[in-house]
Amino acid sequence: MGSAQVFFYIFAALSLIFALLVVTRRNAIHSAICLIVTFFFMAAVFVILKAELLAAVQVLVYAGGVVGLMLYVIMLVKGEEANQVKHNLGQKIIAAFVALLLFIQLAAVVWVSLAGKKAGALAAEAAKFGGNTEGIGALLYTKYLLPFEVASVLLLAAMVGAIVLAKNKLER
């Protein structure tokens, strides 16, 4: 086992540990900080896998932008109100169902990779276009243009909704 593989397993394990801390912390600020650490460990995994563009996007967009926005919203709704979580049976049942689905998906990925099938077909397709950044850009703006545009419209709608909610709250 090479040193890259050892670091891969270390960073992947730390990423999983901090991802668990994200969902188990009662304080929303602590949860957001654990999410930032999770994103940095995932960026390290991307660097080991030679996906430098994804690592940079992970740090800049997710760790910087998304978590920053989440912290802003947490502070906007007053810290104490954000920390009060009501647990009811329906939420626990839905959470258990989603956790089961994620476990089944993880088991399927492990089974496919152990069976020797190609799990990195998208990476191989991106490699045809040249480098990491070129391949992702070419695929994003050709084959995956419609999902990319749908995601941008959803992000725009979320941004407009956040502005409307913040404006209404400030006017009161």
N, C-alpha and C. Protein backbone atom coordinates (compact mmCIF):
# COMPACT_ATOMS: atom_id res chain seq x y z
N MET A 1 0.86 -1.17 0.00
CA MET A 1 0.00 0.00 0.00
C MET A 1 0.91 1.23 0.00
N GLY A 2 0.72 2.11 -1.01
CA GLY A 2 1.54 3.29 -1.15
C GLY A 2 1.13 4.39 -0.19
N SER A 3 1.98 5.42 -0.13
CA SER A 3 1.70 6.52 0.80
C SER A 3 0.45 7.30 0.38
N ALA A 4 0.21 7.42 -0.94
CA ALA A 4 -0.99 8.12 -1.40
C ALA A 4 -2.25 7.40 -0.94
N GLN A 5 -2.21 6.08 -0.98
CA GLN A 5 -3.37 5.31 -0.55
C GLN A 5 -3.59 5.42 0.95
N VAL A 6 -2.51 5.47 1.72
CA VAL A 6 -2.62 5.63 3.17
C VAL A 6 -3.26 6.98 3.49
N PHE A 7 -2.76 8.05 2.82
CA PHE A 7 -3.33 9.38 3.05
C PHE A 7 -4.78 9.44 2.59
N PHE A 8 -5.10 8.75 1.49
CA PHE A 8 -6.48 8.71 1.03
C PHE A 8 -7.39 8.15 2.13
N TYR A 9 -7.01 7.03 2.71
CA TYR A 9 -7.83 6.42 3.75
C TYR A 9 -7.90 7.30 5.01
N ILE A 10 -6.80 7.95 5.35
CA ILE A 10 -6.81 8.83 6.53
C ILE A 10 -7.76 10.00 6.30
N PHE A 11 -7.63 10.68 5.15
CA PHE A 11 -8.49 11.83 4.87
C PHE A 11 -9.94 11.42 4.69
N ALA A 12 -10.18 10.27 4.08
CA ALA A 12 -11.56 9.80 3.92
C ALA A 12 -12.19 9.48 5.28
N ALA A 13 -11.43 8.85 6.16
CA ALA A 13 -11.95 8.52 7.50
C ALA A 13 -12.22 9.80 8.29
N LEU A 14 -11.30 10.75 8.24
CA LEU A 14 -11.52 12.02 8.95
C LEU A 14 -12.72 12.77 8.37
N SER A 15 -12.89 12.68 7.07
CA SER A 15 -14.05 13.31 6.44
C SER A 15 -15.34 12.69 6.93
N LEU A 16 -15.38 11.38 7.05
CA LEU A 16 -16.58 10.71 7.56
C LEU A 16 -16.83 11.06 9.02
N ILE A 17 -15.77 11.13 9.81
CA ILE A 17 -15.94 11.46 11.23
C ILE A 17 -16.53 12.86 11.39
N PHE A 18 -15.97 13.82 10.65
CA PHE A 18 -16.49 15.19 10.78
C PHE A 18 -17.87 15.33 10.15
N ALA A 19 -18.18 14.52 9.14
CA ALA A 19 -19.54 14.54 8.58
C ALA A 19 -20.54 14.04 9.62
N LEU A 20 -20.15 13.03 10.39
CA LEU A 20 -21.02 12.57 11.48
C LEU A 20 -21.16 13.65 12.55
N LEU A 21 -20.09 14.37 12.82
CA LEU A 21 -20.18 15.46 13.80
C LEU A 21 -21.11 16.57 13.32
N VAL A 22 -21.19 16.78 12.01
CA VAL A 22 -22.08 17.81 11.47
C VAL A 22 -23.52 17.52 11.87
N VAL A 23 -23.93 16.29 11.78
CA VAL A 23 -25.33 15.96 12.04
C VAL A 23 -25.61 15.60 13.49
N THR A 24 -24.57 15.49 14.32
CA THR A 24 -24.82 15.14 15.72
C THR A 24 -24.66 16.31 16.67
N ARG A 25 -24.10 17.41 16.22
CA ARG A 25 -23.93 18.58 17.09
C ARG A 25 -25.26 19.30 17.27
N ARG A 26 -25.53 19.73 18.49
CA ARG A 26 -26.77 20.46 18.77
C ARG A 26 -26.62 21.94 18.43
N ASN A 27 -25.43 22.47 18.57
CA ASN A 27 -25.18 23.87 18.27
C ASN A 27 -24.96 24.02 16.76
N ALA A 28 -25.74 24.89 16.13
CA ALA A 28 -25.66 25.05 14.67
C ALA A 28 -24.32 25.62 14.23
N ILE A 29 -23.72 26.48 15.03
CA ILE A 29 -22.41 27.04 14.68
C ILE A 29 -21.34 25.95 14.70
N HIS A 30 -21.36 25.10 15.70
CA HIS A 30 -20.39 23.99 15.77
C HIS A 30 -20.59 23.05 14.59
N SER A 31 -21.83 22.82 14.23
CA SER A 31 -22.13 21.96 13.09
C SER A 31 -21.57 22.56 11.80
N ALA A 32 -21.71 23.86 11.61
CA ALA A 32 -21.19 24.52 10.41
C ALA A 32 -19.67 24.46 10.37
N ILE A 33 -19.02 24.60 11.52
CA ILE A 33 -17.56 24.52 11.56
C ILE A 33 -17.10 23.11 11.21
N CYS A 34 -17.79 22.10 11.72
CA CYS A 34 -17.47 20.72 11.35
C CYS A 34 -17.68 20.49 9.86
N LEU A 35 -18.67 21.14 9.27
CA LEU A 35 -18.90 21.03 7.83
C LEU A 35 -17.74 21.63 7.04
N ILE A 36 -17.21 22.74 7.51
CA ILE A 36 -16.04 23.34 6.85
C ILE A 36 -14.86 22.37 6.88
N VAL A 37 -14.61 21.76 8.04
CA VAL A 37 -13.50 20.81 8.15
C VAL A 37 -13.74 19.61 7.24
N THR A 38 -14.99 19.15 7.15
CA THR A 38 -15.32 18.04 6.25
C THR A 38 -14.99 18.40 4.81
N PHE A 39 -15.36 19.62 4.39
CA PHE A 39 -15.07 20.06 3.02
C PHE A 39 -13.57 20.12 2.75
N PHE A 40 -12.78 20.54 3.73
CA PHE A 40 -11.33 20.58 3.53
C PHE A 40 -10.74 19.17 3.40
N PHE A 41 -11.23 18.23 4.20
CA PHE A 41 -10.74 16.86 4.07
C PHE A 41 -11.16 16.26 2.72
N MET A 42 -12.36 16.59 2.27
CA MET A 42 -12.79 16.10 0.95
C MET A 42 -11.92 16.71 -0.16
N ALA A 43 -11.53 17.97 -0.01
CA ALA A 43 -10.63 18.60 -0.98
C ALA A 43 -9.29 17.87 -1.00
N ALA A 44 -8.81 17.46 0.17
CA ALA A 44 -7.56 16.70 0.22
C ALA A 44 -7.71 15.36 -0.50
N VAL A 45 -8.85 14.72 -0.35
CA VAL A 45 -9.09 13.47 -1.08
C VAL A 45 -9.09 13.72 -2.58
N PHE A 46 -9.70 14.82 -3.02
CA PHE A 46 -9.71 15.16 -4.44
C PHE A 46 -8.30 15.40 -4.97
N VAL A 47 -7.45 16.03 -4.17
CA VAL A 47 -6.06 16.27 -4.59
C VAL A 47 -5.33 14.94 -4.76
N ILE A 48 -5.54 14.03 -3.84
CA ILE A 48 -4.90 12.72 -3.93
C ILE A 48 -5.36 11.98 -5.19
N LEU A 49 -6.64 12.17 -5.56
CA LEU A 49 -7.19 11.52 -6.75
C LEU A 49 -6.87 12.27 -8.05
N LYS A 50 -6.02 13.28 -7.94
CA LYS A 50 -5.58 14.09 -9.08
C LYS A 50 -6.71 14.87 -9.73
N ALA A 51 -7.66 15.33 -8.91
CA ALA A 51 -8.77 16.16 -9.38
C ALA A 51 -8.62 17.53 -8.72
N GLU A 52 -7.59 18.25 -9.15
CA GLU A 52 -7.25 19.52 -8.50
C GLU A 52 -8.35 20.56 -8.67
N LEU A 53 -9.02 20.58 -9.82
CA LEU A 53 -10.09 21.54 -10.03
C LEU A 53 -11.22 21.31 -9.04
N LEU A 54 -11.61 20.06 -8.84
CA LEU A 54 -12.66 19.77 -7.88
C LEU A 54 -12.24 20.15 -6.46
N ALA A 55 -10.96 19.97 -6.14
CA ALA A 55 -10.48 20.36 -4.81
C ALA A 55 -10.59 21.87 -4.64
N ALA A 56 -10.21 22.62 -5.66
CA ALA A 56 -10.29 24.08 -5.57
C ALA A 56 -11.74 24.54 -5.46
N VAL A 57 -12.62 23.93 -6.25
CA VAL A 57 -14.05 24.27 -6.18
C VAL A 57 -14.61 23.91 -4.81
N GLN A 58 -14.20 22.79 -4.28
CA GLN A 58 -14.65 22.35 -2.95
C GLN A 58 -14.31 23.39 -1.90
N VAL A 59 -13.09 23.90 -1.94
CA VAL A 59 -12.66 24.86 -0.93
C VAL A 59 -13.30 26.23 -1.17
N LEU A 60 -13.25 26.71 -2.41
CA LEU A 60 -13.73 28.06 -2.69
C LEU A 60 -15.24 28.18 -2.61
N VAL A 61 -15.94 27.28 -3.29
CA VAL A 61 -17.39 27.40 -3.37
C VAL A 61 -18.07 26.87 -2.11
N TYR A 62 -17.75 25.65 -1.75
CA TYR A 62 -18.48 25.03 -0.64
C TYR A 62 -17.98 25.52 0.72
N ALA A 63 -16.69 25.35 0.99
CA ALA A 63 -16.18 25.75 2.31
C ALA A 63 -16.25 27.26 2.49
N GLY A 64 -16.03 28.01 1.43
CA GLY A 64 -16.07 29.46 1.55
C GLY A 64 -17.45 30.05 1.40
N GLY A 65 -18.09 29.77 0.28
CA GLY A 65 -19.36 30.42 -0.03
C GLY A 65 -20.57 29.83 0.67
N VAL A 66 -20.77 28.55 0.52
CA VAL A 66 -21.99 27.92 1.03
C VAL A 66 -22.02 27.95 2.55
N VAL A 67 -20.92 27.56 3.19
CA VAL A 67 -20.92 27.55 4.66
C VAL A 67 -20.95 28.98 5.19
N GLY A 68 -20.30 29.90 4.50
CA GLY A 68 -20.40 31.31 4.91
C GLY A 68 -21.83 31.80 4.86
N LEU A 69 -22.54 31.44 3.80
CA LEU A 69 -23.95 31.80 3.69
C LEU A 69 -24.78 31.14 4.79
N MET A 70 -24.48 29.88 5.08
CA MET A 70 -25.21 29.19 6.15
C MET A 70 -24.99 29.87 7.49
N LEU A 71 -23.74 30.26 7.78
CA LEU A 71 -23.46 30.94 9.04
C LEU A 71 -24.18 32.28 9.10
N TYR A 72 -24.24 32.98 7.98
CA TYR A 72 -24.95 34.25 7.93
C TYR A 72 -26.43 34.05 8.25
N VAL A 73 -27.04 33.02 7.68
CA VAL A 73 -28.46 32.74 7.92
C VAL A 73 -28.68 32.33 9.38
N ILE A 74 -27.76 31.53 9.92
CA ILE A 74 -27.89 31.13 11.32
C ILE A 74 -27.87 32.35 12.22
N MET A 75 -26.98 33.29 11.93
CA MET A 75 -26.91 34.49 12.75
C MET A 75 -28.10 35.41 12.50
N LEU A 76 -28.66 35.36 11.30
CA LEU A 76 -29.80 36.19 10.96
C LEU A 76 -31.05 35.78 11.74
N VAL A 77 -31.21 34.48 11.95
CA VAL A 77 -32.40 34.00 12.64
C VAL A 77 -32.18 33.90 14.15
N LYS A 78 -31.21 34.61 14.64
CA LYS A 78 -30.89 34.67 16.06
C LYS A 78 -30.42 33.30 16.56
N GLY A 79 -29.20 33.27 17.04
CA GLY A 79 -28.54 32.04 17.43
C GLY A 79 -29.34 31.12 18.29
N GLU A 80 -30.07 31.61 19.27
CA GLU A 80 -30.81 30.75 20.19
C GLU A 80 -31.94 30.03 19.49
N GLU A 81 -32.65 30.72 18.59
CA GLU A 81 -33.75 30.07 17.87
C GLU A 81 -33.24 28.99 16.93
N ALA A 82 -32.06 29.20 16.35
CA ALA A 82 -31.50 28.21 15.43
C ALA A 82 -31.05 26.95 16.15
N ASN A 83 -30.71 27.06 17.45
CA ASN A 83 -30.23 25.90 18.19
C ASN A 83 -31.36 25.07 18.78
N GLN A 84 -32.58 25.59 18.82
CA GLN A 84 -33.69 24.85 19.38
C GLN A 84 -34.23 23.90 18.32
N VAL A 85 -33.99 22.63 18.52
CA VAL A 85 -34.40 21.61 17.57
C VAL A 85 -35.52 20.80 18.21
N LYS A 86 -36.63 20.69 17.51
CA LYS A 86 -37.73 19.87 18.00
C LYS A 86 -37.64 18.50 17.33
N HIS A 87 -37.56 17.49 18.15
CA HIS A 87 -37.48 16.13 17.63
C HIS A 87 -38.86 15.48 17.74
N ASN A 88 -39.34 14.97 16.65
CA ASN A 88 -40.58 14.21 16.73
C ASN A 88 -40.39 12.88 16.01
N LEU A 89 -41.31 12.00 16.17
CA LEU A 89 -41.19 10.65 15.64
C LEU A 89 -41.14 10.64 14.12
N GLY A 90 -41.90 11.51 13.46
CA GLY A 90 -41.91 11.55 12.00
C GLY A 90 -40.54 11.89 11.43
N GLN A 91 -39.86 12.85 12.04
CA GLN A 91 -38.53 13.22 11.58
C GLN A 91 -37.55 12.07 11.76
N LYS A 92 -37.68 11.38 12.86
CA LYS A 92 -36.76 10.26 13.12
C LYS A 92 -36.98 9.13 12.13
N ILE A 93 -38.23 8.86 11.77
CA ILE A 93 -38.53 7.81 10.79
C ILE A 93 -37.98 8.18 9.43
N ILE A 94 -38.18 9.43 9.01
CA ILE A 94 -37.67 9.88 7.71
C ILE A 94 -36.14 9.85 7.71
N ALA A 95 -35.52 10.29 8.80
CA ALA A 95 -34.06 10.27 8.89
C ALA A 95 -33.52 8.84 8.82
N ALA A 96 -34.19 7.90 9.49
CA ALA A 96 -33.76 6.50 9.43
C ALA A 96 -33.91 5.94 8.02
N PHE A 97 -34.98 6.31 7.32
CA PHE A 97 -35.19 5.85 5.95
C PHE A 97 -34.11 6.39 5.02
N VAL A 98 -33.80 7.68 5.14
CA VAL A 98 -32.75 8.28 4.31
C VAL A 98 -31.40 7.66 4.62
N ALA A 99 -31.12 7.41 5.90
CA ALA A 99 -29.86 6.77 6.27
C ALA A 99 -29.77 5.37 5.68
N LEU A 100 -30.88 4.64 5.68
CA LEU A 100 -30.89 3.31 5.07
C LEU A 100 -30.63 3.38 3.57
N LEU A 101 -31.25 4.35 2.89
CA LEU A 101 -31.01 4.51 1.46
C LEU A 101 -29.56 4.85 1.16
N LEU A 102 -28.96 5.72 1.98
CA LEU A 102 -27.56 6.07 1.78
C LEU A 102 -26.65 4.87 2.03
N PHE A 103 -26.99 4.06 3.04
CA PHE A 103 -26.19 2.86 3.31
C PHE A 103 -26.30 1.88 2.15
N ILE A 104 -27.48 1.71 1.59
CA ILE A 104 -27.66 0.81 0.44
C ILE A 104 -26.85 1.33 -0.75
N GLN A 105 -26.86 2.65 -0.97
CA GLN A 105 -26.10 3.22 -2.07
C GLN A 105 -24.60 2.99 -1.86
N LEU A 106 -24.12 3.21 -0.64
CA LEU A 106 -22.71 2.98 -0.34
C LEU A 106 -22.34 1.52 -0.55
N ALA A 107 -23.20 0.61 -0.11
CA ALA A 107 -22.94 -0.82 -0.30
C ALA A 107 -22.90 -1.17 -1.78
N ALA A 108 -23.78 -0.57 -2.58
CA ALA A 108 -23.79 -0.83 -4.02
C ALA A 108 -22.51 -0.34 -4.68
N VAL A 109 -22.02 0.82 -4.27
CA VAL A 109 -20.78 1.36 -4.83
C VAL A 109 -19.60 0.45 -4.47
N VAL A 110 -19.55 0.01 -3.23
CA VAL A 110 -18.46 -0.89 -2.82
C VAL A 110 -18.57 -2.20 -3.57
N TRP A 111 -19.76 -2.73 -3.73
CA TRP A 111 -19.94 -3.99 -4.45
C TRP A 111 -19.51 -3.86 -5.91
N VAL A 112 -19.88 -2.77 -6.55
CA VAL A 112 -19.51 -2.57 -7.96
C VAL A 112 -18.00 -2.43 -8.09
N SER A 113 -17.38 -1.69 -7.17
CA SER A 113 -15.93 -1.51 -7.27
C SER A 113 -15.19 -2.81 -6.98
N LEU A 114 -15.72 -3.63 -6.07
CA LEU A 114 -15.08 -4.92 -5.79
C LEU A 114 -15.32 -5.93 -6.91
N ALA A 115 -16.40 -5.77 -7.63
CA ALA A 115 -16.69 -6.67 -8.74
C ALA A 115 -15.80 -6.38 -9.94
N GLY A 116 -15.06 -5.28 -9.91
CA GLY A 116 -14.13 -4.98 -10.98
C GLY A 116 -14.73 -4.20 -12.13
N LYS A 117 -15.95 -3.75 -11.98
CA LYS A 117 -16.56 -2.97 -13.05
C LYS A 117 -16.00 -1.56 -13.03
N LYS A 118 -16.17 -0.86 -14.14
CA LYS A 118 -15.64 0.50 -14.23
C LYS A 118 -16.52 1.44 -13.43
N ALA A 119 -15.98 1.96 -12.32
CA ALA A 119 -16.71 2.94 -11.54
C ALA A 119 -16.36 4.35 -11.97
N GLY A 120 -15.22 4.52 -12.65
CA GLY A 120 -14.76 5.85 -13.05
C GLY A 120 -14.98 6.13 -14.51
N ALA A 121 -16.15 5.77 -15.03
CA ALA A 121 -16.42 5.98 -16.45
C ALA A 121 -16.45 7.46 -16.81
N LEU A 122 -16.99 8.29 -15.92
CA LEU A 122 -17.04 9.73 -16.18
C LEU A 122 -15.65 10.32 -16.20
N ALA A 123 -14.77 9.86 -15.32
CA ALA A 123 -13.40 10.37 -15.30
C ALA A 123 -12.67 9.97 -16.58
N ALA A 124 -12.92 8.76 -17.05
CA ALA A 124 -12.29 8.32 -18.29
C ALA A 124 -12.82 9.13 -19.47
N GLU A 125 -14.10 9.44 -19.45
CA GLU A 125 -14.68 10.24 -20.52
C GLU A 125 -14.12 11.66 -20.50
N ALA A 126 -13.91 12.21 -19.30
CA ALA A 126 -13.34 13.55 -19.18
C ALA A 126 -11.88 13.56 -19.62
N ALA A 127 -11.17 12.46 -19.41
CA ALA A 127 -9.77 12.39 -19.80
C ALA A 127 -9.59 12.45 -21.32
N LYS A 128 -10.60 12.06 -22.07
CA LYS A 128 -10.52 12.12 -23.54
C LYS A 128 -10.33 13.55 -24.03
N PHE A 129 -10.85 14.52 -23.28
CA PHE A 129 -10.82 15.91 -23.72
C PHE A 129 -9.49 16.59 -23.41
N GLY A 130 -8.61 15.95 -22.72
CA GLY A 130 -7.34 16.58 -22.37
C GLY A 130 -7.10 16.50 -20.89
N GLY A 131 -7.08 17.64 -20.23
CA GLY A 131 -6.79 17.68 -18.80
C GLY A 131 -8.04 17.63 -17.97
N ASN A 132 -7.83 17.74 -16.69
CA ASN A 132 -8.90 17.69 -15.70
C ASN A 132 -9.90 18.82 -15.92
N THR A 133 -9.40 20.06 -15.97
CA THR A 133 -10.27 21.22 -16.12
C THR A 133 -10.92 21.25 -17.49
N GLU A 134 -10.15 20.95 -18.52
CA GLU A 134 -10.70 20.94 -19.88
C GLU A 134 -11.80 19.90 -20.02
N GLY A 135 -11.56 18.72 -19.49
CA GLY A 135 -12.54 17.64 -19.62
C GLY A 135 -13.84 17.95 -18.91
N ILE A 136 -13.73 18.48 -17.70
CA ILE A 136 -14.94 18.82 -16.95
C ILE A 136 -15.70 19.93 -17.65
N GLY A 137 -14.97 20.95 -18.12
CA GLY A 137 -15.62 22.06 -18.83
C GLY A 137 -16.30 21.60 -20.10
N ALA A 138 -15.63 20.77 -20.86
CA ALA A 138 -16.21 20.28 -22.11
C ALA A 138 -17.46 19.45 -21.86
N LEU A 139 -17.40 18.56 -20.87
CA LEU A 139 -18.57 17.75 -20.55
C LEU A 139 -19.71 18.60 -19.97
N LEU A 140 -19.35 19.57 -19.14
CA LEU A 140 -20.36 20.40 -18.49
C LEU A 140 -21.14 21.22 -19.49
N TYR A 141 -20.47 21.72 -20.51
CA TYR A 141 -21.15 22.60 -21.46
C TYR A 141 -21.60 21.89 -22.74
N THR A 142 -21.45 20.57 -22.80
CA THR A 142 -21.97 19.82 -23.95
C THR A 142 -23.00 18.80 -23.47
N LYS A 143 -22.52 17.71 -22.91
CA LYS A 143 -23.40 16.61 -22.53
C LYS A 143 -24.29 16.94 -21.33
N TYR A 144 -23.77 17.70 -20.38
CA TYR A 144 -24.51 17.98 -19.14
C TYR A 144 -24.98 19.44 -19.06
N LEU A 145 -25.27 20.06 -20.20
CA LEU A 145 -25.69 21.46 -20.22
C LEU A 145 -27.04 21.66 -19.54
N LEU A 146 -28.02 20.80 -19.82
CA LEU A 146 -29.35 20.96 -19.24
C LEU A 146 -29.33 20.85 -17.71
N PRO A 147 -28.70 19.82 -17.12
CA PRO A 147 -28.65 19.78 -15.65
C PRO A 147 -27.89 20.97 -15.05
N PHE A 148 -26.87 21.45 -15.75
CA PHE A 148 -26.12 22.61 -15.28
C PHE A 148 -27.02 23.84 -15.23
N GLU A 149 -27.81 24.05 -16.28
CA GLU A 149 -28.70 25.21 -16.32
C GLU A 149 -29.83 25.08 -15.30
N VAL A 150 -30.35 23.87 -15.10
CA VAL A 150 -31.39 23.66 -14.09
C VAL A 150 -30.86 23.99 -12.70
N ALA A 151 -29.62 23.56 -12.42
CA ALA A 151 -29.01 23.86 -11.12
C ALA A 151 -28.83 25.37 -10.95
N SER A 152 -28.45 26.07 -12.01
CA SER A 152 -28.27 27.52 -11.90
C SER A 152 -29.60 28.22 -11.65
N VAL A 153 -30.68 27.76 -12.28
CA VAL A 153 -32.00 28.36 -12.04
C VAL A 153 -32.46 28.08 -10.61
N LEU A 154 -32.21 26.88 -10.10
CA LEU A 154 -32.57 26.57 -8.71
C LEU A 154 -31.79 27.43 -7.72
N LEU A 155 -30.50 27.64 -7.98
CA LEU A 155 -29.71 28.50 -7.10
C LEU A 155 -30.20 29.94 -7.16
N LEU A 156 -30.60 30.40 -8.34
CA LEU A 156 -31.13 31.76 -8.47
C LEU A 156 -32.44 31.89 -7.68
N ALA A 157 -33.31 30.89 -7.78
CA ALA A 157 -34.58 30.92 -7.04
C ALA A 157 -34.33 30.92 -5.53
N ALA A 158 -33.35 30.13 -5.08
CA ALA A 158 -33.02 30.09 -3.65
C ALA A 158 -32.48 31.44 -3.19
N MET A 159 -31.67 32.08 -4.02
CA MET A 159 -31.11 33.37 -3.66
C MET A 159 -32.21 34.44 -3.57
N VAL A 160 -33.12 34.44 -4.53
CA VAL A 160 -34.22 35.41 -4.50
C VAL A 160 -35.10 35.16 -3.28
N GLY A 161 -35.38 33.90 -2.96
CA GLY A 161 -36.18 33.57 -1.78
C GLY A 161 -35.51 34.02 -0.49
N ALA A 162 -34.20 33.84 -0.39
CA ALA A 162 -33.48 34.28 0.81
C ALA A 162 -33.52 35.79 0.94
N ILE A 163 -33.41 36.50 -0.17
CA ILE A 163 -33.46 37.96 -0.12
C ILE A 163 -34.84 38.43 0.32
N VAL A 164 -35.88 37.80 -0.23
CA VAL A 164 -37.27 38.19 0.15
C VAL A 164 -37.51 37.92 1.62
N LEU A 165 -37.07 36.75 2.11
CA LEU A 165 -37.26 36.44 3.53
C LEU A 165 -36.49 37.39 4.43
N ALA A 166 -35.25 37.71 4.05
CA ALA A 166 -34.46 38.63 4.86
C ALA A 166 -35.06 40.03 4.84
N LYS A 167 -35.57 40.46 3.68
CA LYS A 167 -36.16 41.79 3.57
C LYS A 167 -37.42 41.91 4.44
N ASN A 168 -38.27 40.87 4.39
CA ASN A 168 -39.47 40.87 5.22
C ASN A 168 -39.14 40.89 6.70
N LYS A 169 -38.10 40.17 7.10
CA LYS A 169 -37.70 40.13 8.50
C LYS A 169 -37.15 41.48 8.96
N LEU A 170 -36.42 42.16 8.06
CA LEU A 170 -35.85 43.46 8.44
C LEU A 170 -36.91 44.55 8.49
N GLU A 171 -37.98 44.42 7.71
CA GLU A 171 -39.03 45.43 7.69
C GLU A 171 -39.90 45.39 8.94
N ARG A 172 -39.95 44.27 9.61
CA ARG A 172 -40.79 44.14 10.82
C ARG A 172 -40.25 44.87 11.99
